[in-house]
Protein backbone atom coordinates (compact mmCIF):
# COMPACT_ATOMS: atom_id res chain seq x y z
CA MET A 1 -42.42 -8.54 7.55
CA THR A 2 -44.18 -6.59 4.57
CA LEU A 3 -43.27 -8.03 1.14
CA LEU A 4 -42.53 -5.64 -1.58
CA PRO A 5 -44.93 -5.68 -4.53
CA CYS A 6 -43.98 -8.06 -7.45
CA ILE A 7 -45.44 -9.56 -10.61
CA GLU A 8 -45.92 -13.28 -10.64
CA VAL A 9 -47.30 -15.02 -13.84
CA GLU A 10 -48.01 -18.78 -13.39
CA PRO A 11 -48.59 -20.30 -16.87
CA GLN A 12 -51.38 -22.97 -17.34
CA LYS A 13 -49.70 -26.30 -17.86
CA SER A 14 -52.45 -27.57 -19.92
CA VAL A 15 -52.41 -24.78 -22.35
CA ARG A 16 -48.51 -24.05 -22.74
CA PRO A 17 -46.01 -25.19 -20.12
CA ALA A 18 -43.21 -22.59 -19.30
CA ASP A 19 -39.91 -23.11 -20.77
CA THR A 20 -38.21 -19.97 -19.35
CA ALA A 21 -38.11 -17.86 -16.47
CA VAL A 22 -36.75 -14.35 -15.72
CA ILE A 23 -35.67 -13.45 -12.31
CA TRP A 24 -35.01 -9.71 -12.15
CA LEU A 25 -32.71 -8.36 -9.39
CA HIS A 26 -31.02 -4.89 -9.15
CA GLY A 27 -28.54 -3.65 -6.68
CA LEU A 28 -28.60 -0.96 -4.06
CA GLY A 29 -28.51 2.33 -5.45
CA ALA A 30 -30.27 1.68 -8.67
CA ASP A 31 -33.36 3.68 -9.60
CA GLY A 32 -35.35 0.98 -11.25
CA HIS A 33 -34.92 2.51 -14.61
CA ASP A 34 -31.48 0.91 -15.39
CA PHE A 35 -33.20 -2.11 -16.98
CA ALA A 36 -35.66 -0.06 -19.05
CA PRO A 37 -33.87 -0.42 -22.41
CA ILE A 38 -34.21 -4.22 -22.31
CA VAL A 39 -37.89 -4.50 -21.83
CA PRO A 40 -38.75 -4.42 -25.49
CA GLU A 41 -36.25 -7.38 -26.07
CA LEU A 42 -38.31 -9.40 -23.75
CA LYS A 43 -41.52 -9.52 -25.87
């Protein structure tokens, strides 16, 4: 099986442990740009 490309970020627990996770899913028929307006809000 070939996996699709993804971004994984593993924080260093000794520097700053993670307190939040974002799991991004989109449905069939989406073009991948339907979530673009929310990206600036995640910073």
